[in-house]
Amino acid sequence: MSQLDTRVPAVLLRIDRNPFHHGTLGAVRSLGRAGIDVHLVAEVTGSPVRRSRFVGRLHPPPPPGAALADIAGALLRVAARVARPAVLIPMDDAGAVAVSRLRAELAPAYLLPQQPAALPERVADKAELAALCAAADIPHPVTVVPDSASQAASAAWRLGLPVMAKWSRPWLLPAGSGLRSTAVVRSPQEARELYVRSEEAGSRLLLQEFLPPGTDRDWFFHGYADRAGTLRGGGPGRKLRARPRGAGLTAVGQWVPNPELPALAERLTAQLGYRGILDLDFRRCGTTGRYHLLDFNPRPGAQFRLFTDTAGLDVVRAQHLDLTHRPLPDGRALPGRTFVVENYAPLTALRRAAPGGRELAWHAGDDPAPGRAMWGLWTAHATRRLPGRLRRIGAAGATGVRPRVVRQGPPPPSSLTGLPEVPHAPHASAVPAVPTAADPADDERAGSR
C-alpha cells in the first residue's frame, strides 16, 4: 500500500523548454510509482519524458514570454480539469519564482508550502543570495555587482583573474542569445563586454571570486524543509563528473556522508524560514577547506533521485506526504549510491553498478520507453548542434593559445586600459541591493541542474 495519499494528484510545472531535463522524468516516476496521478505542465515535444507510462496527463505550458497572469491562467485551467486540490511542484527556477508570486491566487486550487512571500525569488537571485549568506554567516565567494561597464572591468582585475561572471536571474536569459548563466572571465575587457549585454540578459551581472575546481571540491545538498522546518528526503552528494567540465550540471554524482553540508543547509533555512524543496550547490575552497554556497535552487535538483533512502523517500515524495499531512517514513541513508546521466556519461553508465547501488537518469526497467527514446532524440539533437560547435572551435583555434592567467594585484593605470578608476571591490556582505527584475515570464529560459 502506498504511503502517499493517492487521492491527491500532483501537478509538475516546467516553464523552461529544455527537452532533456531528466529531473522532470525522475519526478514523474517517483510519484507515479507510488500511485499518484501525475499531471505534467511542460513542453515535451521532442522530449523522452512524454513516453513515460507514469505521465497521467499532459497539459500545455504557458507560452514563451507569458506574463504572470498567463501563467496563473494556465495553472488554474489545469486545476479545473483536475477538479480537486493537487500538490503543485515547480521543476525549474522560473516556475518556482512564478508560483511564489502567484501564491495567493493559486492557493485555493493547490497545496503549497507556507513560507515568507517571494522567498524563492530571493534565494534564486544570485545577487540576493550573496547578501543572504553574509547575514547567515554562510561562506560565499566574494561577489561584486558592478554599476557600469568600467566598474565591471576594474572589479574583474581587482578580484583576481580569472573570475566567475553570473547573471543574477538566469531564468530570464533569452533563448538563442548565446549568453550562459555562468562564464569564466579571463580579462577586464571580457567583463566589460558582458556588462554591456545586461539589458539583453534581463538581470544584473555579478562578478565573483573564482574558486578553482578539483578533486573532491564540488558538492551538493538536496532536501525538503517540512512544515516544522526539518530537512528531510535528501542528503549530501559529491559531483564526480559535470557537464560542462568543472562547472555545470551533475553527470555523475554520489551520495557521500558529509555532516558540514546539512549543518550549513539547516542554518540557512532556519534563518530564512524557508519551506519546500531545495537544491544547494557548494564548492570547497582548496586553501581554507571551507564549503562555499554557490547556488540555492528553490526546486528539485535534476539528480534528486540519487537520495532515495531505504523507505523510498525522496524530496518530491516528502513534499507530497507533508502537504497532505501524512507522516514521512524514517528510512536509512544509502551512502555510496550513484546517479548517472547516460547521455552525458555513457561510458560510466555501461560500467557495473557500484556496491551502493545506482540510478540512471533515463533508463528504468519498469519504464523503458523514455530510455529508448532518449538515444534517438539525443543523437538528432547533437547532430543539429554539431556545425555550430565546430564553428566555435575553429574560431577559438584561429585566435591562438590563450596566455596563462595569474592572480593580479592592483589594477593597471587607466592610461594602459582606457578604464577609469573605481573603488575597491566590496566583500559579499557589502553587495548592493538589486532592484526587482521583470516578471520571470518575460523570458522563459531557466537554468537546469
Protein backbone atom coordinates (compact mmCIF):
# COMPACT_ATOMS: atom_id res chain seq x y z
CA MET A 1 0.00 0.00 0.00
CA SER A 2 1.34 3.45 -0.92
CA GLN A 3 2.45 5.69 1.93
CA LEU A 4 1.24 8.65 -0.11
CA ASP A 5 -2.36 9.83 -0.29
CA THR A 6 -3.25 8.62 -3.78
CA ARG A 7 -6.46 10.67 -3.75
CA VAL A 8 -4.35 13.83 -4.15
CA PRO A 9 -2.87 14.34 -7.63
CA ALA A 10 0.44 16.06 -8.36
CA VAL A 11 0.95 18.80 -10.93
CA LEU A 12 4.52 19.26 -12.17
CA LEU A 13 5.28 22.63 -13.76
CA ARG A 14 8.23 23.24 -16.04
CA ILE A 15 8.47 26.58 -17.87
CA ASP A 16 11.97 26.09 -19.32
CA ARG A 17 11.92 24.45 -22.75
CA ASN A 18 14.83 22.03 -22.14
CA PRO A 19 13.61 18.71 -23.66
CA PHE A 20 16.33 16.70 -21.90
CA HIS A 21 15.60 17.67 -18.30
CA HIS A 22 15.90 14.28 -16.64
CA GLY A 23 14.80 15.67 -13.27
CA THR A 24 11.28 16.05 -14.65
CA LEU A 25 11.26 12.37 -15.60
CA GLY A 26 12.55 11.50 -12.13
CA ALA A 27 9.64 13.34 -10.51
CA VAL A 28 7.11 11.72 -12.85
CA ARG A 29 8.44 8.27 -12.00
CA SER A 30 8.78 8.86 -8.26
CA LEU A 31 5.18 9.96 -7.84
CA GLY A 32 3.72 7.67 -10.49
CA ARG A 33 5.28 4.58 -8.95
CA ALA A 34 3.60 5.50 -5.66
CA GLY A 35 0.20 5.51 -7.35
CA ILE A 36 -0.15 9.30 -7.64
CA ASP A 37 -1.98 10.70 -10.66
CA VAL A 38 0.71 12.87 -12.32
CA HIS A 39 -0.22 15.89 -14.44
CA LEU A 40 2.68 17.43 -16.37
CA VAL A 41 2.54 21.08 -17.46
CA ALA A 42 5.55 21.34 -19.77
CA GLU A 43 6.66 21.49 -23.38
CA VAL A 44 7.56 17.87 -24.16
CA THR A 45 7.83 17.98 -27.93
CA GLY A 46 11.00 16.06 -28.75
CA SER A 47 11.41 15.02 -25.13
CA PRO A 48 11.74 11.42 -23.85
CA VAL A 49 9.64 12.39 -20.81
CA ARG A 50 6.41 12.21 -22.78
CA ARG A 51 7.00 8.47 -23.33
CA SER A 52 6.85 7.63 -19.64
CA ARG A 53 4.00 5.35 -18.65
CA PHE A 54 3.73 7.28 -15.39
CA VAL A 55 2.56 10.53 -17.02
CA GLY A 56 -1.14 10.64 -16.27
CA ARG A 57 -1.96 13.63 -18.45
CA LEU A 58 -0.05 16.28 -20.40
CA HIS A 59 -1.10 19.93 -20.32
CA PRO A 60 0.19 22.80 -22.49
CA PRO A 61 2.60 25.11 -20.67
CA PRO A 62 2.36 28.91 -20.66
CA PRO A 63 3.57 30.32 -23.99
CA PRO A 64 7.06 31.80 -24.35
CA GLY A 65 7.15 35.32 -22.94
CA ALA A 66 3.98 34.76 -20.91
CA ALA A 67 3.08 37.28 -18.23
CA LEU A 68 2.30 36.20 -14.69
CA ALA A 69 -1.41 36.41 -15.43
CA ASP A 70 -0.96 33.94 -18.30
CA ILE A 71 0.96 31.52 -16.07
CA ALA A 72 -1.78 31.75 -13.46
CA GLY A 73 -4.40 31.18 -16.15
CA ALA A 74 -2.63 28.06 -17.42
CA LEU A 75 -2.33 26.57 -13.92
CA LEU A 76 -5.91 27.39 -12.99
CA ARG A 77 -7.14 25.72 -16.18
CA VAL A 78 -5.23 22.59 -15.17
CA ALA A 79 -6.75 22.80 -11.69
CA ALA A 80 -10.23 22.97 -13.21
CA ARG A 81 -9.55 19.79 -15.19
CA VAL A 82 -8.10 18.01 -12.17
CA ALA A 83 -11.19 19.10 -10.19
CA ARG A 84 -9.67 18.60 -6.73
CA PRO A 85 -6.77 20.12 -4.75
CA ALA A 86 -3.36 18.96 -6.03
CA VAL A 87 0.25 19.26 -4.89
CA LEU A 88 2.00 21.71 -7.22
CA ILE A 89 5.76 21.19 -7.72
CA PRO A 90 7.74 23.60 -9.93
CA MET A 91 10.67 21.85 -11.62
CA ASP A 92 12.71 24.92 -12.58
CA ASP A 93 13.61 28.30 -11.11
CA ALA A 94 11.28 30.21 -13.43
CA GLY A 95 8.36 28.09 -12.28
CA ALA A 96 9.32 28.36 -8.61
CA VAL A 97 9.54 32.15 -8.83
CA ALA A 98 6.22 32.42 -10.68
CA VAL A 99 4.42 30.17 -8.20
CA SER A 100 5.78 32.14 -5.24
CA ARG A 101 4.50 35.39 -6.77
CA LEU A 102 1.11 33.82 -7.53
CA ARG A 103 0.69 32.01 -4.22
CA ALA A 104 -2.43 33.87 -3.08
CA GLU A 105 -4.14 33.24 -6.41
CA LEU A 106 -3.15 29.56 -6.65
CA ALA A 107 -3.60 28.51 -3.01
CA PRO A 108 -7.33 27.69 -3.28
CA ALA A 109 -6.59 25.11 -6.02
CA TYR A 110 -3.17 23.82 -5.00
CA LEU A 111 -1.33 22.61 -1.91
CA LEU A 112 1.78 24.75 -1.46
CA PRO A 113 4.46 25.16 1.26
CA GLN A 114 3.91 28.03 3.70
CA GLN A 115 6.86 30.43 3.72
CA PRO A 116 7.65 34.16 3.56
CA ALA A 117 6.42 35.88 0.41
CA ALA A 118 8.86 36.00 -2.51
CA LEU A 119 11.48 33.93 -0.64
CA PRO A 120 12.06 31.52 -3.56
CA GLU A 121 12.71 34.54 -5.76
CA ARG A 122 15.24 35.96 -3.29
CA VAL A 123 17.27 32.76 -2.92
CA ALA A 124 17.25 32.07 -6.67
CA ASP A 125 18.58 35.57 -7.37
CA LYS A 126 22.35 35.18 -7.20
CA ALA A 127 22.92 38.78 -6.08
CA GLU A 128 20.39 38.43 -3.26
CA LEU A 129 21.97 35.11 -2.27
CA ALA A 130 25.32 36.75 -1.57
CA ALA A 131 23.71 39.11 0.95
CA LEU A 132 21.59 36.31 2.49
CA CYS A 133 24.71 34.18 3.03
CA ALA A 134 26.52 37.08 4.66
CA ALA A 135 23.61 37.60 7.07
CA ALA A 136 23.53 33.90 7.99
CA ASP A 137 27.34 33.57 8.19
CA ILE A 138 27.39 31.04 5.34
CA PRO A 139 30.66 31.03 3.34
CA HIS A 140 30.13 32.52 -0.12
CA PRO A 141 32.62 33.68 -2.75
CA VAL A 142 33.41 37.39 -2.68
CA THR A 143 30.84 38.94 -5.01
CA VAL A 144 30.63 42.30 -6.75
CA VAL A 145 27.63 43.74 -8.60
CA PRO A 146 29.09 46.46 -10.87
CA ASP A 147 27.08 49.54 -11.84
CA SER A 148 28.86 50.25 -15.12
CA ALA A 149 30.98 48.60 -17.78
CA SER A 150 34.09 50.34 -16.46
CA GLN A 151 33.36 49.12 -12.91
CA ALA A 152 32.94 45.59 -14.26
CA ALA A 153 36.34 45.74 -15.96
CA SER A 154 38.12 47.16 -12.92
CA ALA A 155 36.37 44.81 -10.47
CA ALA A 156 37.38 41.78 -12.55
CA TRP A 157 41.02 42.87 -12.25
CA ARG A 158 40.78 43.62 -8.54
CA LEU A 159 39.08 40.30 -7.68
CA GLY A 160 41.98 38.47 -9.33
CA LEU A 161 41.66 36.97 -12.79
CA PRO A 162 40.10 34.67 -13.76
CA VAL A 163 36.73 35.48 -12.16
CA MET A 164 33.26 33.99 -12.46
CA ALA A 165 30.61 36.05 -14.23
CA LYS A 166 26.97 35.24 -13.45
CA TRP A 167 23.62 36.73 -14.35
CA SER A 168 21.67 37.31 -11.16
CA ARG A 169 18.43 35.89 -12.61
CA PRO A 170 19.46 33.26 -15.17
CA TRP A 171 15.88 32.20 -15.84
CA LEU A 172 15.46 35.50 -17.73
CA LEU A 173 18.20 34.78 -20.28
CA PRO A 174 16.72 34.86 -23.79
CA ALA A 175 16.96 31.70 -25.85
CA GLY A 176 19.36 31.96 -28.76
CA SER A 177 21.34 34.85 -27.25
CA GLY A 178 24.46 32.78 -26.66
CA LEU A 179 24.58 34.07 -23.08
CA ARG A 180 25.33 31.48 -20.40
CA SER A 181 24.16 31.71 -16.82
CA THR A 182 27.77 31.31 -15.66
CA ALA A 183 31.02 32.02 -17.50
CA VAL A 184 34.71 32.31 -16.69
CA VAL A 185 36.06 35.81 -17.40
CA ARG A 186 39.79 36.00 -18.13
CA SER A 187 40.30 39.69 -18.85
CA PRO A 188 38.85 43.10 -17.89
CA GLN A 189 37.68 43.52 -21.48
CA GLU A 190 35.59 40.33 -21.31
CA ALA A 191 33.91 41.63 -18.15
CA ARG A 192 33.23 44.96 -19.84
CA GLU A 193 31.69 43.28 -22.91
CA LEU A 194 29.43 41.10 -20.77
CA TYR A 195 28.16 44.07 -18.76
CA VAL A 196 27.14 45.84 -21.96
CA ARG A 197 24.69 42.97 -22.58
CA SER A 198 22.91 43.39 -19.22
CA GLU A 199 19.71 44.74 -20.78
CA GLU A 200 19.61 41.81 -23.19
CA ALA A 201 20.22 39.34 -20.32
CA GLY A 202 17.30 40.74 -18.32
CA SER A 203 19.15 40.96 -15.00
CA ARG A 204 22.30 42.33 -13.45
CA LEU A 205 25.81 40.96 -13.93
CA LEU A 206 27.74 39.59 -10.95
CA LEU A 207 31.48 39.09 -10.76
CA GLN A 208 32.60 36.53 -8.26
CA GLU A 209 35.86 35.29 -6.84
CA PHE A 210 36.97 32.17 -8.71
CA LEU A 211 37.28 29.04 -6.58
CA PRO A 212 39.22 26.53 -8.69
CA PRO A 213 37.54 23.15 -9.27
CA GLY A 214 39.35 19.97 -8.34
CA THR A 215 39.00 16.50 -6.93
CA ASP A 216 36.55 16.37 -4.02
CA ARG A 217 35.64 20.07 -4.30
CA ASP A 218 32.19 20.11 -5.96
CA TRP A 219 29.31 19.11 -3.70
CA PHE A 220 25.55 19.49 -3.50
CA PHE A 221 22.83 19.09 -0.90
CA HIS A 222 19.19 18.25 -1.57
CA GLY A 223 16.40 18.37 0.96
CA TYR A 224 12.80 19.18 1.75
CA ALA A 225 12.09 21.62 4.58
CA ASP A 226 8.81 20.39 6.06
CA ARG A 227 6.13 22.41 7.86
CA ALA A 228 8.27 22.41 11.02
CA GLY A 229 11.42 23.40 9.11
CA THR A 230 13.08 19.98 9.43
CA LEU A 231 15.11 18.89 6.41
CA ARG A 232 14.02 15.51 5.05
CA GLY A 233 14.21 13.40 1.93
CA GLY A 234 17.71 14.30 0.73
CA GLY A 235 21.35 14.37 1.67
CA PRO A 236 24.86 15.49 0.71
CA GLY A 237 26.42 14.40 -2.56
CA ARG A 238 29.70 14.77 -4.39
CA LYS A 239 29.85 15.71 -8.05
CA LEU A 240 32.16 13.22 -9.74
CA ARG A 241 31.63 14.46 -13.30
CA ALA A 242 29.96 17.61 -14.60
CA ARG A 243 28.80 18.95 -17.94
CA PRO A 244 30.43 21.27 -18.86
CA ARG A 245 33.53 20.05 -17.05
CA GLY A 246 34.36 21.92 -13.85
CA ALA A 247 31.04 23.80 -13.79
CA GLY A 248 27.57 22.72 -14.73
CA LEU A 249 25.01 20.02 -14.10
CA THR A 250 25.89 16.72 -12.47
CA ALA A 251 26.68 13.99 -14.99
CA VAL A 252 27.81 11.52 -12.31
CA GLY A 253 27.12 12.06 -8.62
CA GLN A 254 27.50 10.00 -5.45
CA TRP A 255 25.79 10.07 -2.07
CA VAL A 256 28.62 10.72 0.40
CA PRO A 257 28.29 11.40 4.15
CA ASN A 258 29.36 14.97 4.92
CA PRO A 259 27.92 16.48 8.11
CA GLU A 260 29.10 20.00 7.25
CA LEU A 261 26.65 20.41 4.37
CA PRO A 262 23.44 19.51 6.28
CA ALA A 263 24.59 21.84 9.06
CA LEU A 264 25.04 24.73 6.63
CA ALA A 265 21.69 23.98 4.95
CA GLU A 266 19.88 23.83 8.31
CA ARG A 267 21.40 27.12 9.42
CA LEU A 268 20.38 28.92 6.25
CA THR A 269 16.84 27.53 6.01
CA ALA A 270 16.23 28.27 9.69
CA GLN A 271 17.47 31.84 9.26
CA LEU A 272 15.23 32.39 6.23
CA GLY A 273 12.18 30.42 7.32
CA TYR A 274 12.37 28.52 4.04
CA ARG A 275 9.85 25.72 3.42
CA GLY A 276 9.79 23.37 0.45
CA ILE A 277 12.28 21.60 -1.79
CA LEU A 278 15.80 22.95 -2.16
CA ASP A 279 18.92 22.12 -4.16
CA LEU A 280 22.17 23.72 -2.96
CA ASP A 281 25.50 23.75 -4.82
CA PHE A 282 28.76 24.05 -2.88
CA ARG A 283 32.43 24.31 -3.78
CA ARG A 284 35.12 23.56 -1.23
CA CYS A 285 37.98 26.05 -1.17
CA GLY A 286 41.27 24.24 -1.75
CA THR A 287 43.10 26.70 0.53
CA THR A 288 40.80 27.01 3.54
CA GLY A 289 38.76 23.80 3.19
CA ARG A 290 35.54 25.78 3.76
CA TYR A 291 32.41 24.94 1.75
CA HIS A 292 31.13 27.99 -0.14
CA LEU A 293 27.50 28.10 -1.22
CA LEU A 294 27.33 28.88 -4.94
CA ASP A 295 23.63 28.40 -5.76
CA PHE A 296 20.32 27.98 -3.95
CA ASN A 297 17.71 26.44 -6.26
CA PRO A 298 14.18 26.53 -4.77
CA ARG A 299 13.06 23.36 -6.55
CA PRO A 300 14.21 19.74 -7.07
CA GLY A 301 17.70 19.30 -8.47
CA ALA A 302 17.84 17.17 -11.60
CA GLN A 303 19.63 14.37 -9.72
CA PHE A 304 17.30 14.35 -6.69
CA ARG A 305 16.57 10.63 -7.13
CA LEU A 306 20.14 9.91 -6.00
CA PHE A 307 18.90 10.45 -2.44
CA THR A 308 16.25 7.72 -2.36
CA ASP A 309 16.53 6.01 1.02
CA THR A 310 15.51 2.52 2.12
CA ALA A 311 11.92 3.71 2.70
CA GLY A 312 11.71 5.07 -0.87
CA LEU A 313 11.65 8.68 0.37
CA ASP A 314 12.98 11.49 -1.82
CA VAL A 315 12.29 15.24 -1.82
CA VAL A 316 9.34 15.02 -4.21
CA ARG A 317 7.59 12.32 -2.18
CA ALA A 318 8.47 14.22 1.01
CA GLN A 319 6.62 17.31 -0.24
CA HIS A 320 3.54 15.31 -1.22
CA LEU A 321 3.46 13.49 2.12
CA ASP A 322 3.99 16.65 4.16
CA LEU A 323 1.41 18.79 2.35
CA THR A 324 -1.21 16.02 2.62
CA HIS A 325 -0.42 15.66 6.36
CA ARG A 326 0.94 12.15 6.01
CA PRO A 327 3.88 11.02 8.20
CA LEU A 328 7.25 10.86 6.50
CA PRO A 329 8.82 7.41 6.88
CA ASP A 330 12.19 7.04 8.60
CA GLY A 331 14.37 5.29 6.08
CA ARG A 332 18.07 4.59 6.21
CA ALA A 333 20.50 6.58 4.09
CA LEU A 334 22.33 4.75 1.31
CA PRO A 335 25.81 6.30 1.08
CA GLY A 336 27.76 5.11 -1.92
CA ARG A 337 24.69 5.18 -4.15
CA THR A 338 25.42 6.86 -7.51
CA PHE A 339 23.44 8.72 -10.15
CA VAL A 340 24.46 8.70 -13.82
CA VAL A 341 23.11 10.73 -16.74
CA GLU A 342 23.66 8.37 -19.66
CA ASN A 343 23.85 10.90 -22.49
CA TYR A 344 26.48 12.91 -20.58
CA ALA A 345 28.47 9.96 -19.18
CA PRO A 346 27.80 6.97 -21.47
CA LEU A 347 30.92 5.01 -20.52
CA THR A 348 30.13 5.32 -16.82
CA ALA A 349 26.59 4.14 -17.50
CA LEU A 350 27.94 1.00 -19.18
CA ARG A 351 30.08 0.02 -16.20
CA ARG A 352 28.87 -2.28 -13.48
CA ALA A 353 26.97 -0.51 -10.73
CA ALA A 354 28.84 0.36 -7.53
CA PRO A 355 28.10 -1.70 -4.37
CA GLY A 356 25.96 1.13 -3.00
CA GLY A 357 23.56 0.89 -5.94
CA ARG A 358 22.93 3.15 -8.89
CA GLU A 359 20.12 5.10 -10.55
CA LEU A 360 20.21 6.02 -14.22
CA ALA A 361 18.59 9.26 -15.32
CA TRP A 362 16.75 7.83 -18.32
CA HIS A 363 16.72 4.03 -18.26
CA ALA A 364 14.44 2.11 -15.89
CA GLY A 365 13.25 -1.50 -16.04
CA ASP A 366 9.67 -0.59 -15.15
CA ASP A 367 9.56 2.37 -17.57
CA PRO A 368 11.80 1.54 -20.56
CA ALA A 369 10.28 3.79 -23.24
CA PRO A 370 11.96 7.10 -22.20
CA GLY A 371 15.39 5.44 -22.14
CA ARG A 372 14.94 4.01 -25.62
CA ALA A 373 13.61 7.29 -26.97
CA MET A 374 16.40 9.32 -25.40
CA TRP A 375 19.18 7.96 -27.61
CA GLY A 376 17.40 8.67 -30.88
CA LEU A 377 16.32 12.14 -29.79
CA TRP A 378 19.73 12.96 -28.30
CA THR A 379 21.55 11.87 -31.46
CA ALA A 380 19.34 14.14 -33.57
CA HIS A 381 19.82 16.98 -31.08
CA ALA A 382 23.62 16.59 -31.07
CA THR A 383 23.73 16.41 -34.87
CA ARG A 384 21.83 19.68 -35.20
CA ARG A 385 24.25 21.41 -32.82
CA LEU A 386 27.45 19.99 -34.32
CA PRO A 387 28.02 22.60 -37.08
CA GLY A 388 27.77 25.46 -34.58
CA ARG A 389 30.21 23.78 -32.20
CA LEU A 390 32.71 23.19 -35.00
CA ARG A 391 32.50 26.85 -35.99
CA ARG A 392 33.16 27.95 -32.40
CA ILE A 393 36.13 25.58 -32.10
CA GLY A 394 37.54 26.87 -35.36
CA ALA A 395 37.15 30.49 -34.27
CA ALA A 396 38.85 29.77 -30.94
CA GLY A 397 41.71 28.00 -32.71
CA ALA A 398 42.23 30.92 -35.05
CA THR A 399 42.97 33.22 -32.13
CA GLY A 400 45.82 31.04 -30.92
CA VAL A 401 46.53 29.64 -27.46
CA ARG A 402 45.39 31.74 -24.51
CA PRO A 403 48.22 33.06 -22.34
CA ARG A 404 48.35 31.68 -18.81
CA VAL A 405 46.37 33.90 -16.45
CA VAL A 406 47.71 34.63 -12.98
CA ARG A 407 46.12 36.34 -10.00
CA GLN A 408 46.66 40.09 -10.21
CA GLY A 409 47.42 42.79 -7.67
CA PRO A 410 46.41 46.45 -8.11
CA PRO A 411 44.75 47.35 -11.42
CA PRO A 412 46.88 48.77 -14.21
CA PRO A 413 46.80 52.53 -14.79
CA SER A 414 43.92 53.85 -16.87
CA SER A 415 46.44 55.01 -19.46
CA LEU A 416 47.00 51.34 -20.31
CA THR A 417 43.44 50.07 -20.10
CA GLY A 418 41.35 53.06 -21.08
CA LEU A 419 39.21 52.39 -17.99
CA PRO A 420 38.50 54.90 -15.22
CA GLU A 421 39.47 54.15 -11.63
CA VAL A 422 36.75 52.69 -9.36
CA PRO A 423 36.64 51.99 -5.61
CA HIS A 424 37.95 48.68 -4.33
CA ALA A 425 35.56 45.78 -4.84
CA PRO A 426 33.45 45.13 -1.72
CA HIS A 427 33.14 41.87 0.16
CA ALA A 428 30.00 39.79 -0.35
CA SER A 429 28.47 41.30 2.77
CA ALA A 430 28.52 44.68 1.04
CA VAL A 431 26.79 43.58 -2.14
CA PRO A 432 24.48 46.40 -3.26
CA ALA A 433 20.77 45.79 -3.34
CA VAL A 434 19.39 44.53 -6.63
CA PRO A 435 16.19 46.08 -7.98
CA THR A 436 13.40 43.74 -8.90
CA ALA A 437 13.74 42.43 -12.45
CA ALA A 438 10.93 41.96 -14.91
CA ASP A 439 8.44 39.18 -14.44
CA PRO A 440 10.04 35.75 -14.89
CA ALA A 441 7.73 35.12 -17.79
CA ASP A 442 9.25 38.00 -19.78
CA ASP A 443 11.58 35.24 -20.89
CA GLU A 444 11.08 31.54 -20.46
CA ARG A 445 14.69 30.45 -20.13
CA ALA A 446 15.86 28.98 -16.82
CA GLY A 447 18.99 27.21 -15.65
CA SER A 448 18.78 23.42 -15.33
CA ARG A 449 20.69 21.20 -12.95
